[in-house]
Amino acid sequence: AYLVQLSRYVHLNPVRAKIVERPEHYRWSSYPGYIGETGEFTWV
């Protein structure tokens, strides 16, 4: 019921904190790996 929704909430944290305008611009998140912006980690 909630895992997908929660992942979005977590990945948007840097945007809510006004550190970046888009979540894929934040390096220290699993989000870039989810959308293919950077290499995926084998442990995620």
ModelCIF file with pLDDT and N, C-alpha, C, O atoms, coordinates in Angstrom:
data_MODEL
#
_entry.id   MODEL 
#
_entity.id                         1 
_entity.type                       polymer 
_entity.pdbx_number_of_molecules   1 
#
_entity_poly.entity_id                      1 
_entity_poly.type                           'polypeptide(L)' 
_entity_poly.nstd_linkage                   no 
_entity_poly.nstd_monomer                   no 
_entity_poly.pdbx_seq_one_letter_code       AYLVQLSRYVHLNPVRAKIVERPEHYRWSSYPGYIGETGEFTWV 
_entity_poly.pdbx_seq_one_letter_code_can   AYLVQLSRYVHLNPVRAKIVERPEHYRWSSYPGYIGETGEFTWV 
_entity_poly.pdbx_strand_id                 A 
#
loop_
_entity_poly_seq.entity_id 
_entity_poly_seq.num 
_entity_poly_seq.mon_id 
_entity_poly_seq.hetero 
1 1  ALA n 
1 2  TYR n 
1 3  LEU n 
1 4  VAL n 
1 5  GLN n 
1 6  LEU n 
1 7  SER n 
1 8  ARG n 
1 9  TYR n 
1 10 VAL n 
1 11 HIS n 
1 12 LEU n 
1 13 ASN n 
1 14 PRO n 
1 15 VAL n 
1 16 ARG n 
1 17 ALA n 
1 18 LYS n 
1 19 ILE n 
1 20 VAL n 
1 21 GLU n 
1 22 ARG n 
1 23 PRO n 
1 24 GLU n 
1 25 HIS n 
1 26 TYR n 
1 27 ARG n 
1 28 TRP n 
1 29 SER n 
1 30 SER n 
1 31 TYR n 
1 32 PRO n 
1 33 GLY n 
1 34 TYR n 
1 35 ILE n 
1 36 GLY n 
1 37 GLU n 
1 38 THR n 
1 39 GLY n 
1 40 GLU n 
1 41 PHE n 
1 42 THR n 
1 43 TRP n 
1 44 VAL n 
#
_struct_asym.id          A 
_struct_asym.entity_id   1 
#
loop_
_ma_qa_metric.id 
_ma_qa_metric.mode 
_ma_qa_metric.name 
_ma_qa_metric.software_group_id 
_ma_qa_metric.type 
1 global pLDDT . pLDDT 
2 local  pLDDT . pLDDT 
#
_ma_qa_metric_global.metric_id      1 
_ma_qa_metric_global.metric_value   93.34 
_ma_qa_metric_global.model_id       1 
_ma_qa_metric_global.ordinal_id     1 
#
loop_
_ma_qa_metric_local.label_asym_id 
_ma_qa_metric_local.label_comp_id 
_ma_qa_metric_local.label_seq_id 
_ma_qa_metric_local.metric_id 
_ma_qa_metric_local.metric_value 
_ma_qa_metric_local.model_id 
_ma_qa_metric_local.ordinal_id 
A ALA 1  2 85.00 1 1  
A TYR 2  2 89.00 1 2  
A LEU 3  2 94.00 1 3  
A VAL 4  2 95.00 1 4  
A GLN 5  2 93.00 1 5  
A LEU 6  2 94.00 1 6  
A SER 7  2 96.00 1 7  
A ARG 8  2 96.00 1 8  
A TYR 9  2 94.00 1 9  
A VAL 10 2 96.00 1 10 
A HIS 11 2 97.00 1 11 
A LEU 12 2 96.00 1 12 
A ASN 13 2 95.00 1 13 
A PRO 14 2 97.00 1 14 
A VAL 15 2 96.00 1 15 
A ARG 16 2 93.00 1 16 
A ALA 17 2 94.00 1 17 
A LYS 18 2 95.00 1 18 
A ILE 19 2 96.00 1 19 
A VAL 20 2 96.00 1 20 
A GLU 21 2 95.00 1 21 
A ARG 22 2 95.00 1 22 
A PRO 23 2 96.00 1 23 
A GLU 24 2 95.00 1 24 
A HIS 25 2 95.00 1 25 
A TYR 26 2 96.00 1 26 
A ARG 27 2 93.00 1 27 
A TRP 28 2 97.00 1 28 
A SER 29 2 97.00 1 29 
A SER 30 2 97.00 1 30 
A TYR 31 2 97.00 1 31 
A PRO 32 2 96.00 1 32 
A GLY 33 2 96.00 1 33 
A TYR 34 2 97.00 1 34 
A ILE 35 2 96.00 1 35 
A GLY 36 2 90.00 1 36 
A GLU 37 2 72.00 1 37 
A THR 38 2 76.00 1 38 
A GLY 39 2 75.00 1 39 
A GLU 40 2 87.00 1 40 
A PHE 41 2 95.00 1 41 
A THR 42 2 94.00 1 42 
A TRP 43 2 96.00 1 43 
A VAL 44 2 97.00 1 44 
#
loop_
_atom_site.group_PDB 
_atom_site.id 
_atom_site.type_symbol 
_atom_site.label_atom_id 
_atom_site.label_alt_id 
_atom_site.label_comp_id 
_atom_site.label_asym_id 
_atom_site.label_entity_id 
_atom_site.label_seq_id 
_atom_site.pdbx_PDB_ins_code 
_atom_site.Cartn_x 
_atom_site.Cartn_y 
_atom_site.Cartn_z 
_atom_site.occupancy 
_atom_site.B_iso_or_equiv 
_atom_site.pdbx_formal_charge 
_atom_site.auth_seq_id 
_atom_site.auth_comp_id 
_atom_site.auth_asym_id 
_atom_site.auth_atom_id 
_atom_site.pdbx_PDB_model_num 
ATOM 1   N N  . ALA A 1 1  ? 0.806  -1.222 0.000   1.00 85.00 ? 1  ALA A N  1 
ATOM 2   C CA . ALA A 1 1  ? 0.000  0.000  0.000   1.00 85.00 ? 1  ALA A CA 1 
ATOM 3   C C  . ALA A 1 1  ? 0.841  1.276  0.000   1.00 85.00 ? 1  ALA A C  1 
ATOM 4   O O  . ALA A 1 1  ? 0.399  2.296  -0.529  1.00 85.00 ? 1  ALA A O  1 
ATOM 5   N N  . TYR A 1 2  ? 2.047  1.245  0.583   1.00 89.00 ? 2  TYR A N  1 
ATOM 6   C CA . TYR A 1 2  ? 2.748  2.498  0.828   1.00 89.00 ? 2  TYR A CA 1 
ATOM 7   C C  . TYR A 1 2  ? 4.188  2.586  0.342   1.00 89.00 ? 2  TYR A C  1 
ATOM 8   O O  . TYR A 1 2  ? 4.757  3.678  0.344   1.00 89.00 ? 2  TYR A O  1 
ATOM 9   N N  . LEU A 1 3  ? 4.799  1.483  -0.075  1.00 94.00 ? 3  LEU A N  1 
ATOM 10  C CA . LEU A 1 3  ? 6.229  1.547  -0.379  1.00 94.00 ? 3  LEU A CA 1 
ATOM 11  C C  . LEU A 1 3  ? 6.547  2.503  -1.524  1.00 94.00 ? 3  LEU A C  1 
ATOM 12  O O  . LEU A 1 3  ? 7.488  3.289  -1.422  1.00 94.00 ? 3  LEU A O  1 
ATOM 13  N N  . VAL A 1 4  ? 5.782  2.449  -2.607  1.00 95.00 ? 4  VAL A N  1 
ATOM 14  C CA . VAL A 1 4  ? 6.050  3.321  -3.747  1.00 95.00 ? 4  VAL A CA 1 
ATOM 15  C C  . VAL A 1 4  ? 5.854  4.782  -3.362  1.00 95.00 ? 4  VAL A C  1 
ATOM 16  O O  . VAL A 1 4  ? 6.678  5.634  -3.694  1.00 95.00 ? 4  VAL A O  1 
ATOM 17  N N  . GLN A 1 5  ? 4.772  5.064  -2.668  1.00 93.00 ? 5  GLN A N  1 
ATOM 18  C CA . GLN A 1 5  ? 4.484  6.429  -2.224  1.00 93.00 ? 5  GLN A CA 1 
ATOM 19  C C  . GLN A 1 5  ? 5.575  6.934  -1.292  1.00 93.00 ? 5  GLN A C  1 
ATOM 20  O O  . GLN A 1 5  ? 5.993  8.088  -1.387  1.00 93.00 ? 5  GLN A O  1 
ATOM 21  N N  . LEU A 1 6  ? 6.034  6.075  -0.395  1.00 94.00 ? 6  LEU A N  1 
ATOM 22  C CA . LEU A 1 6  ? 7.077  6.466  0.545   1.00 94.00 ? 6  LEU A CA 1 
ATOM 23  C C  . LEU A 1 6  ? 8.390  6.749  -0.170  1.00 94.00 ? 6  LEU A C  1 
ATOM 24  O O  . LEU A 1 6  ? 9.104  7.684  0.190   1.00 94.00 ? 6  LEU A O  1 
ATOM 25  N N  . SER A 1 7  ? 8.711  5.949  -1.178  1.00 96.00 ? 7  SER A N  1 
ATOM 26  C CA . SER A 1 7  ? 9.962  6.173  -1.913  1.00 96.00 ? 7  SER A CA 1 
ATOM 27  C C  . SER A 1 7  ? 9.960  7.543  -2.584  1.00 96.00 ? 7  SER A C  1 
ATOM 28  O O  . SER A 1 7  ? 10.988 8.220  -2.618  1.00 96.00 ? 7  SER A O  1 
ATOM 29  N N  . ARG A 1 8  ? 8.819  7.950  -3.112  1.00 96.00 ? 8  ARG A N  1 
ATOM 30  C CA . ARG A 1 8  ? 8.725  9.276  -3.717  1.00 96.00 ? 8  ARG A CA 1 
ATOM 31  C C  . ARG A 1 8  ? 8.944  10.368 -2.675  1.00 96.00 ? 8  ARG A C  1 
ATOM 32  O O  . ARG A 1 8  ? 9.657  11.341 -2.922  1.00 96.00 ? 8  ARG A O  1 
ATOM 33  N N  . TYR A 1 9  ? 8.333  10.201 -1.526  1.00 94.00 ? 9  TYR A N  1 
ATOM 34  C CA . TYR A 1 9  ? 8.493  11.165 -0.437  1.00 94.00 ? 9  TYR A CA 1 
ATOM 35  C C  . TYR A 1 9  ? 9.965  11.299 -0.040  1.00 94.00 ? 9  TYR A C  1 
ATOM 36  O O  . TYR A 1 9  ? 10.464 12.409 0.146   1.00 94.00 ? 9  TYR A O  1 
ATOM 37  N N  . VAL A 1 10 ? 10.649 10.175 0.087   1.00 96.00 ? 10 VAL A N  1 
ATOM 38  C CA . VAL A 1 10 ? 12.069 10.187 0.462   1.00 96.00 ? 10 VAL A CA 1 
ATOM 39  C C  . VAL A 1 10 ? 12.908 10.851 -0.614  1.00 96.00 ? 10 VAL A C  1 
ATOM 40  O O  . VAL A 1 10 ? 13.776 11.669 -0.310  1.00 96.00 ? 10 VAL A O  1 
ATOM 41  N N  . HIS A 1 11 ? 12.655 10.507 -1.866  1.00 97.00 ? 11 HIS A N  1 
ATOM 42  C CA . HIS A 1 11 ? 13.471 11.042 -2.954  1.00 97.00 ? 11 HIS A CA 1 
ATOM 43  C C  . HIS A 1 11 ? 13.264 12.533 -3.187  1.00 97.00 ? 11 HIS A C  1 
ATOM 44  O O  . HIS A 1 11 ? 14.131 13.195 -3.759  1.00 97.00 ? 11 HIS A O  1 
ATOM 45  N N  . LEU A 1 12 ? 12.131 13.068 -2.754  1.00 96.00 ? 12 LEU A N  1 
ATOM 46  C CA . LEU A 1 12 ? 11.877 14.501 -2.927  1.00 96.00 ? 12 LEU A CA 1 
ATOM 47  C C  . LEU A 1 12 ? 12.384 15.336 -1.750  1.00 96.00 ? 12 LEU A C  1 
ATOM 48  O O  . LEU A 1 12 ? 12.214 16.556 -1.737  1.00 96.00 ? 12 LEU A O  1 
ATOM 49  N N  . ASN A 1 13 ? 12.993 14.697 -0.781  1.00 95.00 ? 13 ASN A N  1 
ATOM 50  C CA . ASN A 1 13 ? 13.478 15.408 0.401   1.00 95.00 ? 13 ASN A CA 1 
ATOM 51  C C  . ASN A 1 13 ? 14.415 16.570 0.058   1.00 95.00 ? 13 ASN A C  1 
ATOM 52  O O  . ASN A 1 13 ? 14.241 17.657 0.609   1.00 95.00 ? 13 ASN A O  1 
ATOM 53  N N  . PRO A 1 14 ? 15.393 16.389 -0.820  1.00 97.00 ? 14 PRO A N  1 
ATOM 54  C CA . PRO A 1 14 ? 16.293 17.508 -1.153  1.00 97.00 ? 14 PRO A CA 1 
ATOM 55  C C  . PRO A 1 14 ? 15.586 18.660 -1.852  1.00 97.00 ? 14 PRO A C  1 
ATOM 56  O O  . PRO A 1 14 ? 16.017 19.809 -1.750  1.00 97.00 ? 14 PRO A O  1 
ATOM 57  N N  . VAL A 1 15 ? 14.490 18.355 -2.570  1.00 96.00 ? 15 VAL A N  1 
ATOM 58  C CA . VAL A 1 15 ? 13.710 19.409 -3.220  1.00 96.00 ? 15 VAL A CA 1 
ATOM 59  C C  . VAL A 1 15 ? 12.930 20.201 -2.171  1.00 96.00 ? 15 VAL A C  1 
ATOM 60  O O  . VAL A 1 15 ? 12.893 21.431 -2.216  1.00 96.00 ? 15 VAL A O  1 
ATOM 61  N N  . ARG A 1 16 ? 12.306 19.489 -1.225  1.00 93.00 ? 16 ARG A N  1 
ATOM 62  C CA . ARG A 1 16 ? 11.574 20.170 -0.154  1.00 93.00 ? 16 ARG A CA 1 
ATOM 63  C C  . ARG A 1 16 ? 12.507 21.042 0.689   1.00 93.00 ? 16 ARG A C  1 
ATOM 64  O O  . ARG A 1 16 ? 12.103 22.086 1.200   1.00 93.00 ? 16 ARG A O  1 
ATOM 65  N N  . ALA A 1 17 ? 13.751 20.602 0.827   1.00 94.00 ? 17 ALA A N  1 
ATOM 66  C CA . ALA A 1 17 ? 14.736 21.368 1.603   1.00 94.00 ? 17 ALA A CA 1 
ATOM 67  C C  . ALA A 1 17 ? 15.346 22.503 0.790   1.00 94.00 ? 17 ALA A C  1 
ATOM 68  O O  . ALA A 1 17 ? 16.185 23.251 1.292   1.00 94.00 ? 17 ALA A O  1 
ATOM 69  N N  . LYS A 1 18 ? 14.915 22.632 -0.490  1.00 95.00 ? 18 LYS A N  1 
ATOM 70  C CA . LYS A 1 18 ? 15.370 23.697 -1.390  1.00 95.00 ? 18 LYS A CA 1 
ATOM 71  C C  . LYS A 1 18 ? 16.877 23.629 -1.659  1.00 95.00 ? 18 LYS A C  1 
ATOM 72  O O  . LYS A 1 18 ? 17.528 24.655 -1.859  1.00 95.00 ? 18 LYS A O  1 
ATOM 73  N N  . ILE A 1 19 ? 17.416 22.417 -1.662  1.00 96.00 ? 19 ILE A N  1 
ATOM 74  C CA . ILE A 1 19 ? 18.821 22.225 -2.007  1.00 96.00 ? 19 ILE A CA 1 
ATOM 75  C C  . ILE A 1 19 ? 18.982 22.117 -3.520  1.00 96.00 ? 19 ILE A C  1 
ATOM 76  O O  . ILE A 1 19 ? 19.949 22.621 -4.091  1.00 96.00 ? 19 ILE A O  1 
ATOM 77  N N  . VAL A 1 20 ? 18.025 21.456 -4.155  1.00 96.00 ? 20 VAL A N  1 
ATOM 78  C CA . VAL A 1 20 ? 17.998 21.322 -5.615  1.00 96.00 ? 20 VAL A CA 1 
ATOM 79  C C  . VAL A 1 20 ? 16.572 21.567 -6.095  1.00 96.00 ? 20 VAL A C  1 
ATOM 80  O O  . VAL A 1 20 ? 15.619 21.505 -5.319  1.00 96.00 ? 20 VAL A O  1 
ATOM 81  N N  . GLU A 1 21 ? 16.447 21.845 -7.378  1.00 95.00 ? 21 GLU A N  1 
ATOM 82  C CA . GLU A 1 21 ? 15.121 22.045 -7.956  1.00 95.00 ? 21 GLU A CA 1 
ATOM 83  C C  . GLU A 1 21 ? 14.512 20.749 -8.446  1.00 95.00 ? 21 GLU A C  1 
ATOM 84  O O  . GLU A 1 21 ? 13.291 20.617 -8.525  1.00 95.00 ? 21 GLU A O  1 
ATOM 85  N N  . ARG A 1 22 ? 15.374 19.784 -8.778  1.00 95.00 ? 22 ARG A N  1 
ATOM 86  C CA . ARG A 1 22 ? 14.892 18.501 -9.281  1.00 95.00 ? 22 ARG A CA 1 
ATOM 87  C C  . ARG A 1 22 ? 15.603 17.372 -8.519  1.00 95.00 ? 22 ARG A C  1 
ATOM 88  O O  . ARG A 1 22 ? 16.790 17.491 -8.215  1.00 95.00 ? 22 ARG A O  1 
ATOM 89  N N  . PRO A 1 23 ? 14.899 16.292 -8.213  1.00 96.00 ? 23 PRO A N  1 
ATOM 90  C CA . PRO A 1 23 ? 15.497 15.243 -7.375  1.00 96.00 ? 23 PRO A CA 1 
ATOM 91  C C  . PRO A 1 23 ? 16.695 14.550 -8.010  1.00 96.00 ? 23 PRO A C  1 
ATOM 92  O O  . PRO A 1 23 ? 17.591 14.098 -7.297  1.00 96.00 ? 23 PRO A O  1 
ATOM 93  N N  . GLU A 1 24 ? 16.728 14.457 -9.343  1.00 95.00 ? 24 GLU A N  1 
ATOM 94  C CA . GLU A 1 24 ? 17.856 13.778 -9.986  1.00 95.00 ? 24 GLU A CA 1 
ATOM 95  C C  . GLU A 1 24 ? 19.147 14.582 -9.917  1.00 95.00 ? 24 GLU A C  1 
ATOM 96  O O  . GLU A 1 24 ? 20.223 14.066 -10.217 1.00 95.00 ? 24 GLU A O  1 
ATOM 97  N N  . HIS A 1 25 ? 19.037 15.853 -9.518  1.00 95.00 ? 25 HIS A N  1 
ATOM 98  C CA . HIS A 1 25 ? 20.233 16.686 -9.390  1.00 95.00 ? 25 HIS A CA 1 
ATOM 99  C C  . HIS A 1 25 ? 20.941 16.489 -8.052  1.00 95.00 ? 25 HIS A C  1 
ATOM 100 O O  . HIS A 1 25 ? 22.017 17.042 -7.824  1.00 95.00 ? 25 HIS A O  1 
ATOM 101 N N  . TYR A 1 26 ? 20.329 15.698 -7.171  1.00 96.00 ? 26 TYR A N  1 
ATOM 102 C CA . TYR A 1 26 ? 20.943 15.460 -5.861  1.00 96.00 ? 26 TYR A CA 1 
ATOM 103 C C  . TYR A 1 26 ? 21.687 14.135 -5.899  1.00 96.00 ? 26 TYR A C  1 
ATOM 104 O O  . TYR A 1 26 ? 21.098 13.080 -6.135  1.00 96.00 ? 26 TYR A O  1 
ATOM 105 N N  . ARG A 1 27 ? 22.968 14.207 -5.667  1.00 93.00 ? 27 ARG A N  1 
ATOM 106 C CA . ARG A 1 27 ? 23.836 13.040 -5.823  1.00 93.00 ? 27 ARG A CA 1 
ATOM 107 C C  . ARG A 1 27 ? 23.619 11.978 -4.742  1.00 93.00 ? 27 ARG A C  1 
ATOM 108 O O  . ARG A 1 27 ? 23.771 10.784 -4.999  1.00 93.00 ? 27 ARG A O  1 
ATOM 109 N N  . TRP A 1 28 ? 23.265 12.418 -3.536  1.00 97.00 ? 28 TRP A N  1 
ATOM 110 C CA . TRP A 1 28 ? 23.282 11.515 -2.382  1.00 97.00 ? 28 TRP A CA 1 
ATOM 111 C C  . TRP A 1 28 ? 21.903 10.901 -2.115  1.00 97.00 ? 28 TRP A C  1 
ATOM 112 O O  . TRP A 1 28 ? 21.371 10.951 -1.006  1.00 97.00 ? 28 TRP A O  1 
ATOM 113 N N  . SER A 1 29 ? 21.363 10.333 -3.165  1.00 97.00 ? 29 SER A N  1 
ATOM 114 C CA . SER A 1 29 ? 20.035 9.738  -3.120  1.00 97.00 ? 29 SER A CA 1 
ATOM 115 C C  . SER A 1 29 ? 20.017 8.539  -4.050  1.00 97.00 ? 29 SER A C  1 
ATOM 116 O O  . SER A 1 29 ? 20.805 8.467  -4.993  1.00 97.00 ? 29 SER A O  1 
ATOM 117 N N  . SER A 1 30 ? 19.128 7.605  -3.789  1.00 97.00 ? 30 SER A N  1 
ATOM 118 C CA . SER A 1 30 ? 18.986 6.455  -4.683  1.00 97.00 ? 30 SER A CA 1 
ATOM 119 C C  . SER A 1 30 ? 18.199 6.803  -5.945  1.00 97.00 ? 30 SER A C  1 
ATOM 120 O O  . SER A 1 30 ? 18.119 5.988  -6.864  1.00 97.00 ? 30 SER A O  1 
ATOM 121 N N  . TYR A 1 31 ? 17.620 7.999  -6.002  1.00 97.00 ? 31 TYR A N  1 
ATOM 122 C CA . TYR A 1 31 ? 16.754 8.349  -7.127  1.00 97.00 ? 31 TYR A CA 1 
ATOM 123 C C  . TYR A 1 31 ? 17.459 8.348  -8.486  1.00 97.00 ? 31 TYR A C  1 
ATOM 124 O O  . TYR A 1 31 ? 16.899 7.799  -9.434  1.00 97.00 ? 31 TYR A O  1 
ATOM 125 N N  . PRO A 1 32 ? 18.657 8.933  -8.636  1.00 96.00 ? 32 PRO A N  1 
ATOM 126 C CA . PRO A 1 32 ? 19.299 8.896  -9.953  1.00 96.00 ? 32 PRO A CA 1 
ATOM 127 C C  . PRO A 1 32 ? 19.460 7.481  -10.498 1.00 96.00 ? 32 PRO A C  1 
ATOM 128 O O  . PRO A 1 32 ? 19.339 7.266  -11.704 1.00 96.00 ? 32 PRO A O  1 
ATOM 129 N N  . GLY A 1 33 ? 19.730 6.517  -9.625  1.00 96.00 ? 33 GLY A N  1 
ATOM 130 C CA . GLY A 1 33 ? 19.832 5.131  -10.064 1.00 96.00 ? 33 GLY A CA 1 
ATOM 131 C C  . GLY A 1 33 ? 18.504 4.561  -10.530 1.00 96.00 ? 33 GLY A C  1 
ATOM 132 O O  . GLY A 1 33 ? 18.458 3.708  -11.415 1.00 96.00 ? 33 GLY A O  1 
ATOM 133 N N  . TYR A 1 34 ? 17.420 5.043  -9.923  1.00 97.00 ? 34 TYR A N  1 
ATOM 134 C CA . TYR A 1 34 ? 16.083 4.571  -10.308 1.00 97.00 ? 34 TYR A CA 1 
ATOM 135 C C  . TYR A 1 34 ? 15.709 4.985  -11.721 1.00 97.00 ? 34 TYR A C  1 
ATOM 136 O O  . TYR A 1 34 ? 15.047 4.234  -12.437 1.00 97.00 ? 34 TYR A O  1 
ATOM 137 N N  . ILE A 1 35 ? 16.125 6.162  -12.118 1.00 96.00 ? 35 ILE A N  1 
ATOM 138 C CA . ILE A 1 35 ? 15.694 6.667  -13.424 1.00 96.00 ? 35 ILE A CA 1 
ATOM 139 C C  . ILE A 1 35 ? 16.799 6.582  -14.474 1.00 96.00 ? 35 ILE A C  1 
ATOM 140 O O  . ILE A 1 35 ? 16.616 7.021  -15.609 1.00 96.00 ? 35 ILE A O  1 
ATOM 141 N N  . GLY A 1 36 ? 17.953 6.012  -14.093 1.00 90.00 ? 36 GLY A N  1 
ATOM 142 C CA . GLY A 1 36 ? 19.015 5.787  -15.061 1.00 90.00 ? 36 GLY A CA 1 
ATOM 143 C C  . GLY A 1 36 ? 19.916 6.971  -15.306 1.00 90.00 ? 36 GLY A C  1 
ATOM 144 O O  . GLY A 1 36 ? 20.637 7.005  -16.303 1.00 90.00 ? 36 GLY A O  1 
ATOM 145 N N  . GLU A 1 37 ? 19.889 7.962  -14.398 1.00 72.00 ? 37 GLU A N  1 
ATOM 146 C CA . GLU A 1 37 ? 20.743 9.137  -14.565 1.00 72.00 ? 37 GLU A CA 1 
ATOM 147 C C  . GLU A 1 37 ? 22.213 8.789  -14.299 1.00 72.00 ? 37 GLU A C  1 
ATOM 148 O O  . GLU A 1 37 ? 23.107 9.352  -14.931 1.00 72.00 ? 37 GLU A O  1 
ATOM 149 N N  . THR A 1 38 ? 22.460 7.879  -13.384 1.00 76.00 ? 38 THR A N  1 
ATOM 150 C CA . THR A 1 38 ? 23.812 7.448  -13.058 1.00 76.00 ? 38 THR A CA 1 
ATOM 151 C C  . THR A 1 38 ? 23.808 5.933  -12.956 1.00 76.00 ? 38 THR A C  1 
ATOM 152 O O  . THR A 1 38 ? 22.757 5.296  -13.023 1.00 76.00 ? 38 THR A O  1 
ATOM 153 N N  . GLY A 1 39 ? 24.994 5.364  -12.793 1.00 75.00 ? 39 GLY A N  1 
ATOM 154 C CA . GLY A 1 39 ? 25.094 3.926  -12.643 1.00 75.00 ? 39 GLY A CA 1 
ATOM 155 C C  . GLY A 1 39 ? 24.362 3.448  -11.401 1.00 75.00 ? 39 GLY A C  1 
ATOM 156 O O  . GLY A 1 39 ? 24.406 4.096  -10.355 1.00 75.00 ? 39 GLY A O  1 
ATOM 157 N N  . GLU A 1 40 ? 23.706 2.339  -11.519 1.00 87.00 ? 40 GLU A N  1 
ATOM 158 C CA . GLU A 1 40 ? 22.978 1.787  -10.383 1.00 87.00 ? 40 GLU A CA 1 
ATOM 159 C C  . GLU A 1 40 ? 23.949 1.104  -9.423  1.00 87.00 ? 40 GLU A C  1 
ATOM 160 O O  . GLU A 1 40 ? 24.971 0.560  -9.842  1.00 87.00 ? 40 GLU A O  1 
ATOM 161 N N  . PHE A 1 41 ? 23.623 1.140  -8.139  1.00 95.00 ? 41 PHE A N  1 
ATOM 162 C CA . PHE A 1 41 ? 24.372 0.387  -7.142  1.00 95.00 ? 41 PHE A CA 1 
ATOM 163 C C  . PHE A 1 41 ? 23.799 -1.030 -7.072  1.00 95.00 ? 41 PHE A C  1 
ATOM 164 O O  . PHE A 1 41 ? 22.582 -1.216 -7.078  1.00 95.00 ? 41 PHE A O  1 
ATOM 165 N N  . THR A 1 42 ? 24.679 -2.015 -7.005  1.00 94.00 ? 42 THR A N  1 
ATOM 166 C CA . THR A 1 42 ? 24.208 -3.397 -6.954  1.00 94.00 ? 42 THR A CA 1 
ATOM 167 C C  . THR A 1 42 ? 23.479 -3.702 -5.656  1.00 94.00 ? 42 THR A C  1 
ATOM 168 O O  . THR A 1 42 ? 22.703 -4.655 -5.592  1.00 94.00 ? 42 THR A O  1 
ATOM 169 N N  . TRP A 1 43 ? 23.721 -2.900 -4.616  1.00 96.00 ? 43 TRP A N  1 
ATOM 170 C CA . TRP A 1 43 ? 23.134 -3.183 -3.306  1.00 96.00 ? 43 TRP A CA 1 
ATOM 171 C C  . TRP A 1 43 ? 21.813 -2.440 -3.067  1.00 96.00 ? 43 TRP A C  1 
ATOM 172 O O  . TRP A 1 43 ? 21.223 -2.572 -1.994  1.00 96.00 ? 43 TRP A O  1 
ATOM 173 N N  . VAL A 1 44 ? 21.353 -1.680 -4.027  1.00 97.00 ? 44 VAL A N  1 
ATOM 174 C CA . VAL A 1 44 ? 20.040 -1.023 -3.903  1.00 97.00 ? 44 VAL A CA 1 
ATOM 175 C C  . VAL A 1 44 ? 19.006 -1.876 -4.626  1.00 97.00 ? 44 VAL A C  1 
ATOM 176 O O  . VAL A 1 44 ? 17.827 -1.524 -4.657  1.00 97.00 ? 44 VAL A O  1 
#
